[in-house]
Amino acid sequence: MLQTLRSPRPLLFALCSALLASAVQADDVPDARKGPYKDLIEGEFVHQETPLAENGLPFWLFADRKLTTRGKRHPLIVILHGRRNSAKPGDTFKVQSIAQDWATKDAQRDNACFVIQPYYPPQGGWEKVPEKLDATLEHAFQHLPVDPERVYLFGFSNGGQGTFQSLARRPDWFAAAVTVSGPVSPKSVVGKIKAPVWMWVGENDNDLNKRQRIEELAKALDDSGVDIKLDIVPGAGHNCFGKATRNEDVHDWLFDQRLEK
């Protein structure tokens, strides 16, 4: 019986095409070991006092060498601090525990990620530097192997306000956010935010009616269709961020989120 044998060429061609596509995809991933961040990949927080981005901000960066494996992308969490009203010009901004809690050995074992904490000058506020913040993050996106579907925000106090403003300004950038003690006017963000947010506030955070305003904001966002979680910390005041940053459920929830395209 005459048998017609199929040529192996189509299979070979398909295999070569897949390998080529994989190589091209890997080439698209920034190699942080060679770019402007190469001296910051130390497995601990490193201070970048001079902004790397044009019109950007200085920052602290945590980046472990294992996150620079060629061709792989990893999550990034952006930490926005509170107001620096007591700081003086020239004061060195220290990396804060709100950032350090995402870079511990346990946290990185469970959810390996880049952690960046930009900072603005004394007497500032995130509402005053949106272009600088965006330039800083966009530069990091371009030069670090960041997974564009897994970029997250954490903001405390004025940083919470900056988080909501960033979510509304750049809804195509962030997969999810956690905020503590930082309300904004619902009118300024409702209808503009699509990412899920886990909000925290102390039961006794009554300065400028923060607890009431956060509850009102949470309801308005929830009513608009945003996935909102709200925790009111019993007996706590304004500085209750540790309840969120050291909570394994918060870490797991945040890193489970993906940006919806």
C-alpha atoms as a PDB file:
ATOM      1  CA  MET A   1       0.000   0.000   0.000  1.00  0.00           C
ATOM      2  CA  LEU A   2       1.273   3.352  -0.959  1.00  0.00           C
ATOM      3  CA  GLN A   3       1.541   5.626   2.072  1.00  0.00           C
ATOM      4  CA  THR A   4       1.820   9.348   1.826  1.00  0.00           C
ATOM      5  CA  LEU A   5       4.168  10.676   4.490  1.00  0.00           C
ATOM      6  CA  ARG A   6       3.591  14.181   5.772  1.00  0.00           C
ATOM      7  CA  SER A   7       6.555  16.448   5.486  1.00  0.00           C
ATOM      8  CA  PRO A   8       8.012  17.481   8.858  1.00  0.00           C
ATOM      9  CA  ARG A   9       8.585  20.984   7.517  1.00  0.00           C
ATOM     10  CA  PRO A  10       5.272  22.526   8.694  1.00  0.00           C
ATOM     11  CA  LEU A  11       5.874  21.231  12.217  1.00  0.00           C
ATOM     12  CA  LEU A  12       9.471  22.378  12.124  1.00  0.00           C
ATOM     13  CA  PHE A  13       8.392  25.786  10.819  1.00  0.00           C
ATOM     14  CA  ALA A  14       5.802  26.138  13.588  1.00  0.00           C
ATOM     15  CA  LEU A  15       8.370  25.195  16.225  1.00  0.00           C
ATOM     16  CA  CYS A  16      10.899  27.698  14.871  1.00  0.00           C
ATOM     17  CA  SER A  17       8.234  30.409  14.748  1.00  0.00           C
ATOM     18  CA  ALA A  18       7.278  29.762  18.366  1.00  0.00           C
ATOM     19  CA  LEU A  19      10.906  29.918  19.483  1.00  0.00           C
ATOM     20  CA  LEU A  20      11.454  33.107  17.513  1.00  0.00           C
ATOM     21  CA  ALA A  21       8.346  34.705  19.003  1.00  0.00           C
ATOM     22  CA  SER A  22       9.525  33.713  22.486  1.00  0.00           C
ATOM     23  CA  ALA A  23      12.944  35.238  21.835  1.00  0.00           C
ATOM     24  CA  VAL A  24      11.404  38.458  20.528  1.00  0.00           C
ATOM     25  CA  GLN A  25       9.150  38.631  23.584  1.00  0.00           C
ATOM     26  CA  ALA A  26      12.164  38.151  25.870  1.00  0.00           C
ATOM     27  CA  ASP A  27      14.013  40.893  24.009  1.00  0.00           C
ATOM     28  CA  ASP A  28      11.122  43.231  24.757  1.00  0.00           C
ATOM     29  CA  VAL A  29      11.697  42.843  28.497  1.00  0.00           C
ATOM     30  CA  PRO A  30      14.095  45.502  29.852  1.00  0.00           C
ATOM     31  CA  ASP A  31      17.396  44.188  31.187  1.00  0.00           C
ATOM     32  CA  ALA A  32      17.728  46.055  34.474  1.00  0.00           C
ATOM     33  CA  ARG A  33      21.301  44.807  34.869  1.00  0.00           C
ATOM     34  CA  LYS A  34      22.431  47.088  32.048  1.00  0.00           C
ATOM     35  CA  GLY A  35      20.179  50.137  32.291  1.00  0.00           C
ATOM     36  CA  PRO A  36      19.985  53.204  34.531  1.00  0.00           C
ATOM     37  CA  TYR A  37      18.808  51.095  37.490  1.00  0.00           C
ATOM     38  CA  LYS A  38      21.722  48.642  37.431  1.00  0.00           C
ATOM     39  CA  ASP A  39      23.401  50.136  40.522  1.00  0.00           C
ATOM     40  CA  LEU A  40      20.127  49.981  42.464  1.00  0.00           C
ATOM     41  CA  ILE A  41      19.646  46.202  42.197  1.00  0.00           C
ATOM     42  CA  GLU A  42      21.011  45.272  45.618  1.00  0.00           C
ATOM     43  CA  GLY A  43      18.350  43.178  47.338  1.00  0.00           C
ATOM     44  CA  GLU A  44      17.744  46.039  49.776  1.00  0.00           C
ATOM     45  CA  PHE A  45      16.385  49.562  49.583  1.00  0.00           C
ATOM     46  CA  VAL A  46      18.728  51.871  47.689  1.00  0.00           C
ATOM     47  CA  HIS A  47      18.360  55.648  47.677  1.00  0.00           C
ATOM     48  CA  GLN A  48      18.235  57.440  44.317  1.00  0.00           C
ATOM     49  CA  GLU A  49      18.590  61.054  45.402  1.00  0.00           C
ATOM     50  CA  THR A  50      18.770  62.483  41.884  1.00  0.00           C
ATOM     51  CA  PRO A  51      15.688  61.768  39.754  1.00  0.00           C
ATOM     52  CA  LEU A  52      16.382  59.398  36.873  1.00  0.00           C
ATOM     53  CA  ALA A  53      13.392  60.580  34.872  1.00  0.00           C
ATOM     54  CA  GLU A  54      13.284  64.000  33.291  1.00  0.00           C
ATOM     55  CA  ASN A  55      10.896  66.046  35.446  1.00  0.00           C
ATOM     56  CA  GLY A  56      10.774  63.116  37.848  1.00  0.00           C
ATOM     57  CA  LEU A  57      11.180  62.570  41.594  1.00  0.00           C
ATOM     58  CA  PRO A  58      13.884  61.009  43.775  1.00  0.00           C
ATOM     59  CA  PHE A  59      12.989  57.650  45.274  1.00  0.00           C
ATOM     60  CA  TRP A  60      13.963  54.564  47.254  1.00  0.00           C
ATOM     61  CA  LEU A  61      13.942  51.278  45.345  1.00  0.00           C
ATOM     62  CA  PHE A  62      13.931  47.671  46.481  1.00  0.00           C
ATOM     63  CA  ALA A  63      14.974  45.297  43.714  1.00  0.00           C
ATOM     64  CA  ASP A  64      16.408  41.840  44.303  1.00  0.00           C
ATOM     65  CA  ARG A  65      18.756  40.372  41.700  1.00  0.00           C
ATOM     66  CA  LYS A  66      16.412  37.413  41.256  1.00  0.00           C
ATOM     67  CA  LEU A  67      13.941  39.890  39.748  1.00  0.00           C
ATOM     68  CA  THR A  68      16.312  40.597  36.868  1.00  0.00           C
ATOM     69  CA  THR A  69      16.241  37.104  35.345  1.00  0.00           C
ATOM     70  CA  ARG A  70      16.373  37.678  31.620  1.00  0.00           C
ATOM     71  CA  GLY A  71      13.021  37.710  29.879  1.00  0.00           C
ATOM     72  CA  LYS A  72      10.780  37.661  32.967  1.00  0.00           C
ATOM     73  CA  ARG A  73       8.551  40.400  34.341  1.00  0.00           C
ATOM     74  CA  HIS A  74       7.522  40.962  37.958  1.00  0.00           C
ATOM     75  CA  PRO A  75       4.989  43.007  39.947  1.00  0.00           C
ATOM     76  CA  LEU A  76       5.722  46.535  41.149  1.00  0.00           C
ATOM     77  CA  ILE A  77       4.201  48.189  44.207  1.00  0.00           C
ATOM     78  CA  VAL A  78       4.350  51.974  44.417  1.00  0.00           C
ATOM     79  CA  ILE A  79       4.377  53.461  47.928  1.00  0.00           C
ATOM     80  CA  LEU A  80       3.071  56.997  48.448  1.00  0.00           C
ATOM     81  CA  HIS A  81       4.002  58.573  51.787  1.00  0.00           C
ATOM     82  CA  GLY A  82       2.158  61.182  53.838  1.00  0.00           C
ATOM     83  CA  ARG A  83       2.856  64.928  54.044  1.00  0.00           C
ATOM     84  CA  ARG A  84       6.333  66.090  55.053  1.00  0.00           C
ATOM     85  CA  ASN A  85       5.293  69.341  56.705  1.00  0.00           C
ATOM     86  CA  SER A  86       7.884  69.008  59.472  1.00  0.00           C
ATOM     87  CA  ALA A  87      10.756  68.302  57.055  1.00  0.00           C
ATOM     88  CA  LYS A  88      13.280  70.974  56.167  1.00  0.00           C
ATOM     89  CA  PRO A  89      14.867  71.563  52.756  1.00  0.00           C
ATOM     90  CA  GLY A  90      17.895  69.319  52.438  1.00  0.00           C
ATOM     91  CA  ASP A  91      16.617  66.703  54.878  1.00  0.00           C
ATOM     92  CA  THR A  92      17.274  63.181  53.639  1.00  0.00           C
ATOM     93  CA  PHE A  93      14.053  61.281  53.167  1.00  0.00           C
ATOM     94  CA  LYS A  94      14.258  57.866  54.838  1.00  0.00           C
ATOM     95  CA  VAL A  95      12.628  54.755  53.479  1.00  0.00           C
ATOM     96  CA  GLN A  96       9.599  54.189  55.694  1.00  0.00           C
ATOM     97  CA  SER A  97       8.071  51.106  57.254  1.00  0.00           C
ATOM     98  CA  ILE A  98       5.081  51.446  54.918  1.00  0.00           C
ATOM     99  CA  ALA A  99       7.548  50.466  52.169  1.00  0.00           C
ATOM    100  CA  GLN A 100       9.767  48.112  54.163  1.00  0.00           C
ATOM    101  CA  ASP A 101       6.860  45.832  55.066  1.00  0.00           C
ATOM    102  CA  TRP A 102       6.548  44.867  51.388  1.00  0.00           C
ATOM    103  CA  ALA A 103      10.237  43.967  51.113  1.00  0.00           C
ATOM    104  CA  THR A 104      10.739  41.641  54.077  1.00  0.00           C
ATOM    105  CA  LYS A 105      12.084  38.156  53.451  1.00  0.00           C
ATOM    106  CA  ASP A 106       8.670  36.617  54.111  1.00  0.00           C
ATOM    107  CA  ALA A 107       6.817  39.130  51.944  1.00  0.00           C
ATOM    108  CA  GLN A 108       9.233  38.660  49.042  1.00  0.00           C
ATOM    109  CA  ARG A 109       9.137  34.882  49.381  1.00  0.00           C
ATOM    110  CA  ASP A 110       5.364  34.902  48.987  1.00  0.00           C
ATOM    111  CA  ASN A 111       5.082  37.787  46.508  1.00  0.00           C
ATOM    112  CA  ALA A 112       8.380  38.727  44.906  1.00  0.00           C
ATOM    113  CA  CYS A 113       8.141  42.258  43.541  1.00  0.00           C
ATOM    114  CA  PHE A 114       9.838  45.586  42.993  1.00  0.00           C
ATOM    115  CA  VAL A 115       9.050  48.237  45.623  1.00  0.00           C
ATOM    116  CA  ILE A 116       9.472  51.921  44.831  1.00  0.00           C
ATOM    117  CA  GLN A 117       8.866  54.817  47.217  1.00  0.00           C
ATOM    118  CA  PRO A 118       9.062  58.155  45.383  1.00  0.00           C
ATOM    119  CA  TYR A 119       9.055  61.299  47.494  1.00  0.00           C
ATOM    120  CA  TYR A 120       8.282  64.964  47.030  1.00  0.00           C
ATOM    121  CA  PRO A 121       9.922  68.035  48.634  1.00  0.00           C
ATOM    122  CA  PRO A 122       8.913  69.324  52.082  1.00  0.00           C
ATOM    123  CA  GLN A 123       5.677  71.311  52.256  1.00  0.00           C
ATOM    124  CA  GLY A 124       4.447  69.488  49.191  1.00  0.00           C
ATOM    125  CA  GLY A 125       1.649  67.068  48.481  1.00  0.00           C
ATOM    126  CA  TRP A 126       0.925  64.472  45.823  1.00  0.00           C
ATOM    127  CA  GLU A 127      -1.754  66.735  44.400  1.00  0.00           C
ATOM    128  CA  LYS A 128       1.016  69.215  43.552  1.00  0.00           C
ATOM    129  CA  VAL A 129       3.316  66.815  41.689  1.00  0.00           C
ATOM    130  CA  PRO A 130       1.160  64.511  39.520  1.00  0.00           C
ATOM    131  CA  GLU A 131       3.315  65.033  36.412  1.00  0.00           C
ATOM    132  CA  LYS A 132       6.500  64.303  38.359  1.00  0.00           C
ATOM    133  CA  LEU A 133       5.035  61.140  39.860  1.00  0.00           C
ATOM    134  CA  ASP A 134       3.828  59.924  36.465  1.00  0.00           C
ATOM    135  CA  ALA A 135       7.222  60.642  34.880  1.00  0.00           C
ATOM    136  CA  THR A 136       8.983  58.714  37.660  1.00  0.00           C
ATOM    137  CA  LEU A 137       6.775  55.658  37.274  1.00  0.00           C
ATOM    138  CA  GLU A 138       6.801  55.685  33.485  1.00  0.00           C
ATOM    139  CA  HIS A 139      10.604  55.707  33.560  1.00  0.00           C
ATOM    140  CA  ALA A 140      10.563  52.676  35.878  1.00  0.00           C
ATOM    141  CA  PHE A 141       8.118  50.879  33.566  1.00  0.00           C
ATOM    142  CA  GLN A 142      10.493  51.448  30.655  1.00  0.00           C
ATOM    143  CA  HIS A 143      13.711  50.337  32.350  1.00  0.00           C
ATOM    144  CA  LEU A 144      12.685  47.670  34.871  1.00  0.00           C
ATOM    145  CA  PRO A 145      11.124  44.308  33.954  1.00  0.00           C
ATOM    146  CA  VAL A 146       7.760  45.304  35.402  1.00  0.00           C
ATOM    147  CA  ASP A 147       4.648  43.281  34.652  1.00  0.00           C
ATOM    148  CA  PRO A 148       2.225  45.883  33.241  1.00  0.00           C
ATOM    149  CA  GLU A 149      -0.734  43.859  34.484  1.00  0.00           C
ATOM    150  CA  ARG A 150       0.527  43.834  38.083  1.00  0.00           C
ATOM    151  CA  VAL A 151       1.360  47.393  39.132  1.00  0.00           C
ATOM    152  CA  TYR A 152      -0.089  48.312  42.531  1.00  0.00           C
ATOM    153  CA  LEU A 153      -0.422  51.371  44.747  1.00  0.00           C
ATOM    154  CA  PHE A 154      -0.231  51.741  48.514  1.00  0.00           C
ATOM    155  CA  GLY A 155      -0.838  55.159  50.036  1.00  0.00           C
ATOM    156  CA  PHE A 156      -0.976  56.473  53.583  1.00  0.00           C
ATOM    157  CA  SER A 157      -2.607  59.779  54.601  1.00  0.00           C
ATOM    158  CA  ASN A 158      -1.758  62.295  51.842  1.00  0.00           C
ATOM    159  CA  GLY A 159      -0.374  59.272  50.019  1.00  0.00           C
ATOM    160  CA  GLY A 160      -3.858  57.753  50.201  1.00  0.00           C
ATOM    161  CA  GLN A 161      -5.187  60.872  48.534  1.00  0.00           C
ATOM    162  CA  GLY A 162      -2.432  60.635  45.949  1.00  0.00           C
ATOM    163  CA  THR A 163      -3.382  57.010  45.363  1.00  0.00           C
ATOM    164  CA  PHE A 164      -6.993  57.845  44.544  1.00  0.00           C
ATOM    165  CA  GLN A 165      -5.866  60.725  42.323  1.00  0.00           C
ATOM    166  CA  SER A 166      -3.441  58.414  40.498  1.00  0.00           C
ATOM    167  CA  LEU A 167      -6.082  55.723  40.030  1.00  0.00           C
ATOM    168  CA  ALA A 168      -8.404  58.305  38.512  1.00  0.00           C
ATOM    169  CA  ARG A 169      -5.690  59.951  36.394  1.00  0.00           C
ATOM    170  CA  ARG A 170      -4.117  56.725  35.112  1.00  0.00           C
ATOM    171  CA  PRO A 171      -6.772  53.980  35.182  1.00  0.00           C
ATOM    172  CA  ASP A 172      -4.787  52.020  32.583  1.00  0.00           C
ATOM    173  CA  TRP A 173      -1.717  51.716  34.832  1.00  0.00           C
ATOM    174  CA  PHE A 174      -2.809  50.164  38.114  1.00  0.00           C
ATOM    175  CA  ALA A 175      -4.319  46.763  38.884  1.00  0.00           C
ATOM    176  CA  ALA A 176      -5.366  47.530  42.488  1.00  0.00           C
ATOM    177  CA  ALA A 177      -4.608  49.696  45.501  1.00  0.00           C
ATOM    178  CA  VAL A 178      -4.601  49.812  49.282  1.00  0.00           C
ATOM    179  CA  THR A 179      -5.159  53.117  51.083  1.00  0.00           C
ATOM    180  CA  VAL A 180      -4.952  54.095  54.744  1.00  0.00           C
ATOM    181  CA  SER A 181      -6.370  57.292  56.260  1.00  0.00           C
ATOM    182  CA  GLY A 182      -6.461  59.268  53.020  1.00  0.00           C
ATOM    183  CA  PRO A 183      -9.872  60.424  51.726  1.00  0.00           C
ATOM    184  CA  VAL A 184     -10.623  62.569  48.679  1.00  0.00           C
ATOM    185  CA  SER A 185     -13.811  64.186  47.438  1.00  0.00           C
ATOM    186  CA  PRO A 186     -15.993  61.501  45.818  1.00  0.00           C
ATOM    187  CA  LYS A 187     -16.854  63.926  42.999  1.00  0.00           C
ATOM    188  CA  SER A 188     -13.189  64.079  41.988  1.00  0.00           C
ATOM    189  CA  VAL A 189     -12.794  60.330  41.393  1.00  0.00           C
ATOM    190  CA  VAL A 190     -16.170  58.595  41.004  1.00  0.00           C
ATOM    191  CA  GLY A 191     -16.586  57.423  37.437  1.00  0.00           C
ATOM    192  CA  LYS A 192     -12.836  57.609  36.793  1.00  0.00           C
ATOM    193  CA  ILE A 193     -11.571  54.713  38.931  1.00  0.00           C
ATOM    194  CA  LYS A 194     -11.927  51.113  37.820  1.00  0.00           C
ATOM    195  CA  ALA A 195      -9.299  49.283  39.922  1.00  0.00           C
ATOM    196  CA  PRO A 196     -10.357  47.544  43.169  1.00  0.00           C
ATOM    197  CA  VAL A 197      -9.353  49.323  46.380  1.00  0.00           C
ATOM    198  CA  TRP A 198      -9.008  48.065  49.939  1.00  0.00           C
ATOM    199  CA  MET A 199      -9.520  51.094  52.198  1.00  0.00           C
ATOM    200  CA  TRP A 200      -8.462  51.339  55.844  1.00  0.00           C
ATOM    201  CA  VAL A 201      -9.156  53.956  58.496  1.00  0.00           C
ATOM    202  CA  GLY A 202      -8.870  54.138  62.263  1.00  0.00           C
ATOM    203  CA  GLU A 203     -12.060  54.126  64.298  1.00  0.00           C
ATOM    204  CA  ASN A 204     -10.865  57.279  66.081  1.00  0.00           C
ATOM    205  CA  ASP A 205      -9.404  59.104  63.064  1.00  0.00           C
ATOM    206  CA  ASN A 206     -11.576  62.172  63.493  1.00  0.00           C
ATOM    207  CA  ASP A 207      -9.089  64.808  62.313  1.00  0.00           C
ATOM    208  CA  LEU A 208     -10.854  66.606  59.442  1.00  0.00           C
ATOM    209  CA  ASN A 209     -13.591  63.971  59.730  1.00  0.00           C
ATOM    210  CA  LYS A 210     -11.358  61.425  58.003  1.00  0.00           C
ATOM    211  CA  ARG A 211     -13.283  58.355  59.154  1.00  0.00           C
ATOM    212  CA  GLN A 212     -16.618  59.774  58.024  1.00  0.00           C
ATOM    213  CA  ARG A 213     -15.185  61.009  54.727  1.00  0.00           C
ATOM    214  CA  ILE A 214     -13.554  57.656  53.984  1.00  0.00           C
ATOM    215  CA  GLU A 215     -16.806  55.817  54.678  1.00  0.00           C
ATOM    216  CA  GLU A 216     -18.637  58.218  52.359  1.00  0.00           C
ATOM    217  CA  LEU A 217     -15.989  57.778  49.673  1.00  0.00           C
ATOM    218  CA  ALA A 218     -16.120  53.992  49.967  1.00  0.00           C
ATOM    219  CA  LYS A 219     -19.904  54.008  49.538  1.00  0.00           C
ATOM    220  CA  ALA A 220     -19.761  56.343  46.542  1.00  0.00           C
ATOM    221  CA  LEU A 221     -17.132  54.223  44.795  1.00  0.00           C
ATOM    222  CA  ASP A 222     -18.977  51.016  45.625  1.00  0.00           C
ATOM    223  CA  ASP A 223     -22.222  52.469  44.257  1.00  0.00           C
ATOM    224  CA  SER A 224     -20.379  53.372  41.040  1.00  0.00           C
ATOM    225  CA  GLY A 225     -19.346  49.752  40.510  1.00  0.00           C
ATOM    226  CA  VAL A 226     -15.813  49.755  41.905  1.00  0.00           C
ATOM    227  CA  ASP A 227     -14.813  46.692  43.938  1.00  0.00           C
ATOM    228  CA  ILE A 228     -14.313  48.235  47.392  1.00  0.00           C
ATOM    229  CA  LYS A 229     -13.265  46.712  50.704  1.00  0.00           C
ATOM    230  CA  LEU A 230     -13.360  48.871  53.836  1.00  0.00           C
ATOM    231  CA  ASP A 231     -11.778  48.081  57.210  1.00  0.00           C
ATOM    232  CA  ILE A 232     -12.312  50.334  60.219  1.00  0.00           C
ATOM    233  CA  VAL A 233      -9.594  49.559  62.772  1.00  0.00           C
ATOM    234  CA  PRO A 234     -11.074  49.422  66.304  1.00  0.00           C
ATOM    235  CA  GLY A 235      -9.546  51.880  68.773  1.00  0.00           C
ATOM    236  CA  ALA A 236      -7.013  53.184  66.226  1.00  0.00           C
ATOM    237  CA  GLY A 237      -6.281  56.731  65.179  1.00  0.00           C
ATOM    238  CA  HIS A 238      -4.650  58.105  62.057  1.00  0.00           C
ATOM    239  CA  ASN A 239      -1.397  56.085  62.053  1.00  0.00           C
ATOM    240  CA  CYS A 240      -2.878  52.628  61.652  1.00  0.00           C
ATOM    241  CA  PHE A 241      -1.081  51.701  58.422  1.00  0.00           C
ATOM    242  CA  GLY A 242       0.657  48.720  60.048  1.00  0.00           C
ATOM    243  CA  LYS A 243      -2.693  46.926  60.242  1.00  0.00           C
ATOM    244  CA  ALA A 244      -2.653  46.862  56.452  1.00  0.00           C
ATOM    245  CA  THR A 245       1.036  46.588  55.573  1.00  0.00           C
ATOM    246  CA  ARG A 246       1.603  43.646  57.942  1.00  0.00           C
ATOM    247  CA  ASN A 247      -1.589  41.810  57.057  1.00  0.00           C
ATOM    248  CA  GLU A 248      -0.988  38.649  54.986  1.00  0.00           C
ATOM    249  CA  ASP A 249      -4.531  38.770  53.641  1.00  0.00           C
ATOM    250  CA  VAL A 250      -3.889  42.257  52.273  1.00  0.00           C
ATOM    251  CA  HIS A 251      -0.694  41.118  50.549  1.00  0.00           C
ATOM    252  CA  ASP A 252      -2.383  38.054  49.069  1.00  0.00           C
ATOM    253  CA  TRP A 253      -5.429  40.021  47.924  1.00  0.00           C
ATOM    254  CA  LEU A 254      -3.352  42.758  46.319  1.00  0.00           C
ATOM    255  CA  PHE A 255      -1.042  40.476  44.365  1.00  0.00           C
ATOM    256  CA  ASP A 256      -3.990  38.383  43.167  1.00  0.00           C
ATOM    257  CA  GLN A 257      -5.322  41.364  41.216  1.00  0.00           C
ATOM    258  CA  ARG A 258      -4.635  41.837  37.502  1.00  0.00           C
ATOM    259  CA  LEU A 259      -5.197  44.896  35.360  1.00  0.00           C
ATOM    260  CA  GLU A 260      -8.272  44.482  33.198  1.00  0.00           C
ATOM    261  CA  LYS A 261      -7.510  45.347  29.584  1.00  0.00           C
END
